[in-house]
Protein backbone atom coordinates (compact mmCIF):
# COMPACT_ATOMS: atom_id res chain seq x y z
CA MET A 1 28.17 -49.18 -4.27
CA LYS A 2 29.13 -45.91 -2.63
CA THR A 3 28.51 -45.38 1.06
CA CYS A 4 28.62 -41.79 2.26
CA CYS A 5 28.71 -41.24 6.04
CA LEU A 6 27.96 -37.67 7.04
CA ILE A 7 28.74 -37.87 10.75
CA LEU A 8 30.65 -36.10 13.45
CA ALA A 9 32.10 -39.21 15.04
CA ALA A 10 31.89 -42.93 14.52
CA LEU A 11 33.95 -45.53 16.31
CA LEU A 12 35.41 -48.65 14.73
CA LEU A 13 36.70 -50.98 17.45
CA PRO A 14 36.79 -54.60 18.62
CA SER A 15 34.56 -56.08 21.27
CA SER A 16 35.40 -53.94 24.32
CA HIS A 17 32.72 -51.38 25.30
CA ALA A 18 33.00 -47.84 26.64
CA VAL A 19 30.44 -45.42 28.03
CA CYS A 20 31.20 -42.93 25.27
CA PRO A 21 32.90 -44.82 22.43
CA ASP A 22 34.44 -41.76 20.80
CA LYS A 23 36.19 -40.75 24.07
CA GLU A 24 38.30 -43.90 24.37
CA PRO A 25 41.93 -42.70 24.72
CA VAL A 26 43.54 -45.27 22.38
CA LEU A 27 41.54 -44.21 19.34
CA GLN A 28 43.46 -43.19 16.24
CA PRO A 29 41.98 -40.59 13.84
CA TRP A 30 40.70 -42.12 10.61
CA MET A 31 40.03 -40.04 7.51
CA PRO A 32 39.47 -42.40 4.57
CA GLY A 33 38.56 -39.56 2.22
CA HIS A 34 36.36 -40.05 -0.79
CA SER A 35 37.01 -42.93 -3.14
CA GLU A 36 34.40 -45.05 -4.85
CA ASP A 37 36.92 -47.87 -5.12
CA HIS A 38 37.76 -48.02 -1.42
CA ARG A 39 36.42 -51.24 0.13
CA VAL A 40 36.42 -50.87 3.91
CA THR A 41 36.82 -53.99 6.04
CA ILE A 42 36.33 -53.77 9.81
CA GLY A 43 37.99 -56.62 11.70
CA TYR A 44 39.61 -57.27 15.05
CA GLY A 45 42.63 -55.36 16.32
CA ARG A 46 42.39 -51.67 15.40
CA LYS A 47 40.52 -48.85 17.16
CA VAL A 48 39.92 -45.83 14.98
CA LEU A 49 37.71 -42.73 15.09
CA LEU A 50 36.07 -41.50 11.90
CA THR A 51 36.54 -37.74 12.06
CA SER A 52 35.06 -36.59 8.74
CA SER A 53 32.58 -37.65 6.09
CA ALA A 54 33.69 -40.43 3.77
CA THR A 55 32.79 -41.96 0.42
CA VAL A 56 33.68 -45.63 0.01
CA HIS A 57 32.74 -48.54 -2.21
CA SER A 58 31.50 -50.78 0.62
CA ILE A 59 31.74 -51.48 4.34
CA GLU A 60 32.04 -55.07 5.56
CA ILE A 61 32.19 -55.93 9.26
CA LEU A 62 33.96 -59.25 9.84
CA SER A 63 33.97 -61.59 12.83
CA GLY A 64 35.29 -59.72 15.86
CA GLY A 65 34.88 -56.35 14.13
CA GLU A 66 32.54 -53.71 15.50
CA LEU A 67 31.18 -50.43 14.17
CA HIS A 68 29.78 -48.22 16.93
CA ILE A 69 27.97 -44.92 16.47
CA GLY A 70 27.20 -43.79 20.00
CA SER A 71 26.30 -46.20 22.80
CA ARG A 72 23.34 -47.00 25.04
CA ASP A 73 24.68 -44.74 27.79
CA CYS A 74 26.13 -42.12 25.47
CA PRO A 75 23.83 -41.72 22.43
CA TYR A 76 25.18 -39.98 19.36
CA LYS A 77 23.64 -36.48 19.18
CA GLY A 78 24.79 -35.45 15.71
CA ASN A 79 23.21 -36.19 12.34
CA LEU A 80 24.12 -39.43 10.61
CA THR A 81 23.38 -40.12 6.96
CA ILE A 82 24.38 -43.26 5.11
CA SER A 83 23.65 -43.06 1.39
CA LEU A 84 23.93 -46.02 -0.97
CA PHE A 85 24.52 -45.11 -4.61
CA GLY A 86 24.83 -47.05 -7.83
CA ARG A 87 22.75 -48.63 -10.59
CA LEU A 88 21.40 -52.10 -11.15
CA ASP A 89 23.34 -52.37 -14.41
CA ASP A 90 26.70 -51.42 -12.85
CA SER A 91 29.57 -53.74 -13.80
CA ASP A 92 30.51 -54.50 -10.13
CA LYS A 93 30.48 -58.14 -9.13
CA ASP A 94 28.05 -59.17 -6.40
CA HIS A 95 29.35 -60.10 -2.99
CA SER A 96 28.82 -63.84 -2.48
CA TYR A 97 26.52 -63.20 0.51
CA PHE A 98 25.55 -59.51 0.72
CA GLY A 99 24.98 -58.84 -2.95
CA ARG A 100 25.78 -55.47 -4.52
CA LYS A 101 24.60 -52.59 -2.28
CA TYR A 102 25.28 -53.25 1.35
CA ILE A 103 26.77 -52.48 4.71
CA GLY A 104 27.60 -56.09 5.49
CA VAL A 105 27.75 -57.45 9.04
CA GLY A 106 29.21 -60.95 8.97
CA THR A 107 28.95 -63.70 11.57
CA GLY A 108 30.51 -62.44 14.80
CA GLY A 109 30.49 -58.84 13.61
CA THR A 110 28.65 -56.00 15.36
CA LEU A 111 26.93 -52.86 14.12
CA GLU A 112 25.45 -50.59 16.80
CA ILE A 113 23.88 -47.21 16.18
CA HIS A 114 22.60 -45.39 19.25
CA GLY A 115 20.94 -42.05 18.62
CA GLU A 116 19.33 -39.66 21.03
CA LYS A 117 15.90 -40.80 22.20
CA LYS A 118 13.26 -38.91 20.29
CA LEU A 119 9.49 -38.95 20.20
CA SER A 120 8.82 -40.94 17.04
CA TRP A 121 5.21 -39.92 16.43
CA THR A 122 2.27 -38.30 18.16
CA PHE A 123 -1.19 -36.86 17.58
CA LEU A 124 -2.07 -33.21 17.08
CA ASN A 125 -4.16 -31.83 19.94
CA LYS A 126 -5.45 -28.91 17.89
CA THR A 127 -6.47 -28.47 14.26
CA LEU A 128 -3.68 -27.01 12.14
CA HIS A 129 -5.35 -24.59 9.75
CA PRO A 130 -3.76 -23.53 6.45
CA GLY A 131 -2.28 -20.02 6.48
CA GLU A 132 -2.80 -19.57 10.21
CA SER A 133 -1.90 -16.02 11.23
CA ASN A 134 -0.21 -14.65 14.30
CA GLN A 135 -1.87 -12.47 16.95
CA ASN A 136 -0.80 -9.08 15.56
CA ASN A 137 -3.80 -8.62 13.27
CA TYR A 138 -5.49 -5.34 12.31
CA LEU A 139 -9.25 -4.78 12.10
CA PHE A 140 -10.90 -1.50 11.09
CA GLN A 141 -14.70 -1.15 10.93
CA ARG A 142 -16.92 1.85 10.27
CA GLY A 143 -20.66 2.34 9.68
CA TRP A 144 -22.89 5.41 9.95
CA GLY A 145 -21.01 8.68 10.49
CA SER A 146 -17.98 7.75 8.38
CA ARG A 147 -19.26 8.68 4.92
CA GLY A 148 -16.89 9.10 1.98
CA ILE A 149 -13.66 7.45 0.83
CA ILE A 150 -11.55 5.79 3.52
CA ILE A 151 -7.86 5.21 2.84
CA HIS A 152 -5.18 3.10 4.53
CA VAL A 153 -1.43 3.25 3.86
CA ILE A 154 0.26 -0.07 4.64
CA ASP A 155 3.89 -1.16 4.89
CA PRO A 156 4.23 -4.10 2.42
CA LYS A 157 6.93 -5.85 4.47
CA SER A 158 5.52 -5.71 7.99
CA GLY A 159 1.81 -5.29 7.23
CA GLU A 160 1.74 -2.33 9.64
CA VAL A 161 -0.83 0.40 8.98
CA LEU A 162 1.22 3.58 8.71
CA HIS A 163 -1.73 5.95 8.42
CA ASN A 164 -5.45 6.07 7.68
CA ASP A 165 -7.82 8.91 6.85
CA ARG A 166 -11.35 9.63 5.62
CA PHE A 167 -12.38 12.05 2.86
CA ASP A 168 -16.06 13.11 2.68
CA THR A 169 -16.22 13.39 -1.10
CA TYR A 170 -20.02 13.31 -0.92
CA ARG A 171 -20.14 16.66 0.90
CA SER A 172 -17.25 18.68 -0.48
CA LYS A 173 -15.00 19.14 -3.51
CA ASP A 174 -12.38 20.42 -1.08
CA GLU A 175 -12.32 16.92 0.41
CA SER A 176 -11.79 15.52 -3.09
CA ARG A 177 -8.82 17.83 -3.68
CA ARG A 178 -7.43 16.90 -0.26
CA LEU A 179 -7.69 13.22 -1.27
CA ALA A 180 -5.76 13.87 -4.48
CA LYS A 181 -3.00 15.68 -2.58
CA TYR A 182 -2.83 12.94 0.04
CA VAL A 183 -2.51 10.11 -2.51
CA ASP A 184 0.10 12.06 -4.47
CA GLY A 185 2.22 12.37 -1.32
CA VAL A 186 2.32 8.65 -0.52
CA GLY A 187 5.72 7.13 -1.23
CA ALA A 188 6.27 4.60 -4.04
CA GLY A 189 6.22 0.98 -2.92
CA LEU A 190 3.68 1.48 -0.13
CA ILE A 191 0.29 -0.22 -0.31
CA LEU A 192 -2.80 1.97 -0.70
CA ALA A 193 -6.20 0.55 0.25
CA LEU A 194 -9.25 2.72 -0.55
CA MET A 195 -12.97 2.06 -0.16
CA VAL A 196 -16.28 3.90 -0.27
CA ASN A 197 -18.43 3.89 2.85
CA ASP A 198 -22.08 4.90 2.26
CA GLU A 199 -21.50 7.46 -0.55
CA GLY A 200 -18.36 8.97 -2.05
CA SER A 201 -19.11 10.05 -5.62
CA ASN A 202 -21.24 13.20 -5.30
CA ASN A 203 -18.34 15.68 -5.12
CA LEU A 204 -15.49 13.47 -6.33
CA GLU A 205 -13.87 15.80 -8.88
CA ASP A 206 -11.35 15.33 -11.68
CA SER A 207 -8.08 15.80 -9.78
CA ALA A 208 -8.81 12.83 -7.52
CA LYS A 209 -10.19 10.71 -10.37
CA LYS A 210 -7.13 11.36 -12.55
CA ILE A 211 -4.58 10.41 -9.91
CA LEU A 212 -6.50 7.23 -9.00
CA PHE A 213 -6.85 6.35 -12.68
CA ARG A 214 -3.07 6.73 -13.12
CA LEU A 215 -2.56 4.35 -10.19
CA GLY A 216 -4.54 1.74 -12.13
CA SER A 217 -8.22 2.13 -11.21
CA GLN A 218 -10.59 1.08 -14.02
CA HIS A 219 -13.84 2.08 -12.28
CA ILE A 220 -13.12 5.43 -10.64
CA ASN A 221 -14.42 7.44 -13.64
CA THR A 222 -17.78 5.63 -13.59
CA LEU A 223 -18.27 5.58 -9.83
CA GLY A 224 -21.94 6.40 -9.21
CA PHE A 225 -24.23 7.24 -6.31
CA ARG A 226 -23.69 4.81 -3.41
CA HIS A 227 -21.71 2.41 -5.58
CA PRO A 228 -19.64 0.04 -3.43
CA TRP A 229 -15.97 0.36 -4.47
CA THR A 230 -12.65 -0.97 -3.18
CA PHE A 231 -9.19 -0.35 -4.63
CA ILE A 232 -5.86 -1.82 -3.44
CA VAL A 233 -2.54 -1.09 -5.15
CA THR A 234 1.17 -0.95 -4.48
CA LYS A 235 1.94 2.61 -5.51
CA GLY A 236 4.05 2.64 -8.66
CA ASP A 237 3.00 -0.87 -9.74
CA PRO A 238 -0.31 -0.84 -11.69
CA SER A 239 -0.04 -4.60 -12.22
CA SER A 240 -0.65 -5.10 -8.49
CA VAL A 241 -4.16 -3.58 -8.60
CA VAL A 242 -7.04 -5.41 -6.95
CA GLU A 243 -10.34 -3.57 -7.52
CA GLY A 244 -14.00 -4.26 -6.81
CA HIS A 245 -17.05 -2.29 -7.94
CA ALA A 246 -20.82 -2.78 -8.04
CA SER A 247 -23.82 -0.65 -9.00
CA TYR A 248 -26.04 0.30 -6.10
CA GLN A 249 -29.57 -1.12 -6.27
CA GLU A 250 -32.12 0.94 -4.37
CA ALA A 251 -34.82 -1.77 -4.52
CA GLU A 252 -35.06 -5.55 -4.75
CA TRP A 253 -37.76 -8.15 -5.20
CA THR A 254 -38.92 -10.28 -2.31
CA GLU A 255 -39.23 -14.05 -2.52
CA TRP A 256 -42.44 -15.50 -4.01
CA PHE A 257 -45.41 -15.84 -1.61
CA ASP A 258 -48.33 -18.29 -1.90
CA ARG A 259 -50.46 -18.04 1.23
CA ASP A 260 -53.79 -19.06 -0.34
CA ASP A 261 -54.85 -21.26 -3.26
CA GLU A 262 -57.77 -21.41 -5.71
CA ARG A 263 -60.06 -23.45 -3.51
CA GLY A 264 -62.99 -21.73 -1.82
CA SER A 265 -64.03 -18.41 -3.34
CA GLY A 266 -60.72 -17.95 -5.19
CA ASP A 267 -57.04 -17.13 -4.67
CA TRP A 268 -56.52 -14.33 -2.15
CA GLU A 269 -52.98 -12.96 -1.70
CA LYS A 270 -53.71 -9.79 0.27
CA VAL A 271 -50.85 -7.59 1.54
CA SER A 272 -52.39 -7.45 5.05
CA ASP A 273 -52.57 -11.26 5.24
CA LEU A 274 -49.04 -11.65 3.91
CA HIS A 275 -47.71 -9.16 6.48
CA GLU A 276 -49.27 -11.26 9.20
CA ALA A 277 -47.91 -14.53 7.79
CA TYR A 278 -44.44 -13.21 6.84
CA PRO A 279 -43.72 -10.17 9.06
CA ASP A 280 -39.93 -10.20 8.44
CA LYS A 281 -40.01 -10.86 4.70
CA LEU A 282 -42.28 -8.12 3.31
CA CYS A 283 -41.79 -4.35 3.49
CA SER A 284 -44.57 -2.10 4.76
CA ASN A 285 -44.87 -0.04 1.56
CA PRO A 286 -44.12 -2.10 -1.58
CA LEU A 287 -43.13 -0.26 -4.76
CA ASP A 288 -44.59 -2.84 -7.18
CA ILE A 289 -46.22 -6.28 -7.36
CA GLN A 290 -45.88 -9.28 -9.69
CA ALA A 291 -48.21 -12.28 -9.89
CA GLU A 292 -47.76 -15.53 -11.81
CA THR A 293 -48.80 -19.17 -11.76
CA HIS A 294 -46.52 -21.79 -10.21
CA ASP A 295 -45.27 -22.75 -13.67
CA GLY A 296 -44.18 -19.16 -14.37
CA ILE A 297 -47.06 -17.80 -16.51
CA ALA A 298 -47.72 -14.12 -15.78
CA ALA A 299 -51.22 -13.42 -14.41
CA ASN A 300 -52.15 -11.19 -17.38
CA GLN A 301 -51.38 -14.04 -19.81
CA THR A 302 -53.43 -16.85 -18.25
CA GLY A 303 -56.87 -15.81 -19.56
CA ASP A 304 -58.22 -15.59 -16.00
CA VAL A 305 -60.21 -12.55 -14.99
CA ILE A 306 -58.17 -10.87 -12.25
CA HIS A 307 -60.25 -9.10 -9.62
CA LYS A 308 -57.39 -7.07 -8.11
CA ASN A 309 -53.66 -6.80 -8.70
CA ASP A 310 -52.48 -3.86 -6.60
CA LYS A 311 -49.19 -3.28 -4.74
CA ASP A 312 -50.99 -1.81 -1.74
CA TYR A 313 -53.88 -4.25 -1.51
CA GLY A 314 -52.45 -7.40 -3.06
CA PHE A 315 -53.73 -9.95 -5.61
CA VAL A 316 -57.22 -11.48 -5.84
CA CYS A 317 -58.68 -13.90 -8.39
CA LEU A 318 -62.37 -14.89 -7.82
CA ASN A 319 -63.69 -18.24 -9.03
CA LYS A 320 -67.12 -16.75 -9.80
CA ASP A 321 -65.55 -14.48 -12.43
CA GLN A 322 -64.08 -17.38 -14.44
CA THR A 323 -65.97 -18.99 -17.35
CA HIS A 324 -64.65 -22.41 -16.27
CA GLY A 325 -65.48 -21.69 -12.62
CA LEU A 326 -61.98 -21.94 -11.11
CA CYS A 327 -58.91 -19.68 -10.89
CA ARG A 328 -55.43 -21.00 -11.31
CA ASN A 329 -53.16 -21.13 -8.23
CA TYR A 330 -51.06 -17.93 -8.14
CA ARG A 331 -48.03 -16.69 -6.27
CA VAL A 332 -46.93 -13.07 -5.77
CA ARG A 333 -43.85 -11.05 -4.96
CA PHE A 334 -43.23 -7.37 -4.19
CA LEU A 335 -40.58 -4.79 -5.01
CA CYS A 336 -39.23 -3.27 -1.79
CA GLY A 337 -36.90 -0.38 -1.20
CA LYS A 338 -33.50 -1.58 -0.05
CA LEU A 339 -32.52 -0.60 3.47
CA VAL A 340 -29.13 1.14 3.46
CA ARG A 341 -26.73 -0.10 6.14
CA PRO A 342 -23.28 1.33 5.29
CA GLN A 343 -20.42 -0.83 6.47
CA ALA A 344 -16.72 -0.56 5.67
CA SER A 345 -14.03 -2.81 7.10
CA VAL A 346 -10.32 -3.45 6.62
CA SER A 347 -8.78 -6.63 7.97
CA ILE A 348 -5.05 -7.31 7.78
CA ASP A 349 -3.74 -10.73 8.79
CA MET A 350 -0.01 -10.47 9.34
CA LEU A 351 1.21 -13.96 8.48
CA SER A 352 4.56 -15.29 9.58
CA ASN A 353 5.94 -18.20 7.61
CA SER A 354 5.56 -20.53 10.57
CA SER A 355 2.97 -22.53 12.48
CA ILE A 356 2.69 -23.81 16.04
CA LEU A 357 1.90 -27.51 16.39
CA GLU A 358 -0.01 -28.56 19.52
CA LEU A 359 1.18 -32.11 20.23
CA GLY A 360 -0.43 -34.89 22.20
CA ASP A 361 2.92 -35.70 23.88
CA GLU A 362 6.03 -33.86 24.99
CA ALA A 363 8.38 -33.31 22.05
CA GLN A 364 11.20 -35.35 23.58
CA GLY A 365 14.44 -34.99 21.67
CA TRP A 366 13.02 -32.71 18.96
CA ARG A 367 15.39 -29.90 18.06
CA SER A 368 15.55 -26.94 15.71
CA GLY A 369 16.40 -28.18 12.22
CA ASP A 370 14.72 -31.57 12.64
CA ARG A 371 12.19 -32.55 9.98
CA VAL A 372 8.66 -33.66 10.87
CA VAL A 373 5.89 -35.02 8.67
CA VAL A 374 2.27 -33.96 9.22
CA ALA A 375 -0.45 -36.19 7.81
CA SER A 376 -4.16 -36.87 8.32
CA THR A 377 -6.37 -39.92 7.97
CA ASP A 378 -8.86 -37.63 6.20
CA TYR A 379 -6.51 -37.27 3.22
CA SER A 380 -4.37 -39.42 0.99
CA MET A 381 -0.91 -40.30 2.28
CA HIS A 382 0.42 -38.41 -0.74
CA GLN A 383 -0.89 -35.19 0.85
CA ALA A 384 1.47 -35.52 3.82
CA GLU A 385 3.61 -32.40 4.27
CA GLU A 386 7.13 -32.07 5.65
CA PHE A 387 8.29 -29.18 7.84
CA SER A 388 11.49 -28.04 9.57
CA LEU A 389 11.45 -27.29 13.29
CA MET A 390 12.35 -23.74 14.31
CA PRO A 391 13.56 -22.27 17.62
CA CYS A 392 10.62 -21.35 19.87
CA SER A 393 11.33 -19.75 23.25
CA THR A 394 7.63 -19.40 24.11
CA CYS A 395 6.57 -22.97 23.24
CA THR A 396 5.56 -25.39 25.98
CA SER A 397 7.00 -28.90 26.18
CA SER A 398 4.17 -30.16 23.96
CA GLN A 399 4.40 -27.37 21.37
CA VAL A 400 6.80 -26.94 18.47
CA LYS A 401 7.18 -24.22 15.84
CA VAL A 402 7.60 -25.32 12.23
CA GLN A 403 8.67 -23.33 9.21
CA GLY A 404 6.01 -23.02 6.54
CA LYS A 405 2.23 -23.23 6.34
CA ARG A 406 -0.07 -26.20 6.06
CA THR A 407 -2.02 -26.12 2.75
CA SER A 408 -5.05 -28.02 4.12
CA ASN A 409 -6.69 -28.57 7.48
CA VAL A 410 -5.31 -31.35 9.72
């Protein structure tokens, strides 16, 4: 067995007690060094002070011997680590009482370890979210009146926005050439974030397209009318590209409506009745209409005689027109022009690699460098995470700052 004591001071002395054991004047410095064969025996008679880390085979405290690390009135404030090494199949003989790996305290011997009083555990008073950001966040939002391509230049280290501008490439080719010149002048290594607000393709000419293509854009050459587009890249590193693009749809189908059924005179799905029943779900001037049965058969394939199927009036099937005397139950939907609401936003969360823990108790005895474990009853014990405490001048007595980020909510 090897016992490694990584301590600042430990006192080996007989039964007399002192307020601070390591301050007793008769102590002699003890530096046993590092030897796996050294068997330390602590008995009566000598008073020594361990002044450096040691590696020994074993420590046995005999009758009258005492090993003190701090005292009740003078707790040890350093870090103490005792590590036991070795393998089960080692050739060492077992001690007749303590076995093979041990710090043995025999009859009449004393081992006292007094550390600083520390809060052993507590509850969190506030949910610790993964990747929680600090307060220095950036939010940019634009709607109507900010048409074109909006660009941000961002410092990759601090997250600070160094500059932003807007280029109305819908209105003017001059704006497109100004965009090309602007992008060309941005220094390598800076982050470029570009997006289209409302419309930006109408007068986007080749010089701008070429420089954005060289930066790594795959969609700039096919950017169409009112296509949403975002492009983020670290200039000079095409592998860093993050790009999004979609085709603009000027119209979309509503949900299916079934206000009436086939009972009575027939199935009546009139636009005026549907407007009254669903005022927020149907546009005032539909572009088209579709009608089908509830099992998905189009109205013109059912064999029913359809009285009216008109986008402005609606759908009507009359029972009296059917050879079997009854219409099927139909549902309808309408094609509506899509309302354009341009919206562009940039949000930058500047994350520091730290989190603030809100504790249920005062963090008594907790110091920078200490390790704490955060766990939750909502998760397996194997999902517990360990953090190091950091200095925090702004923390209250029940707050601590830890290095790192929680990967799941606690």
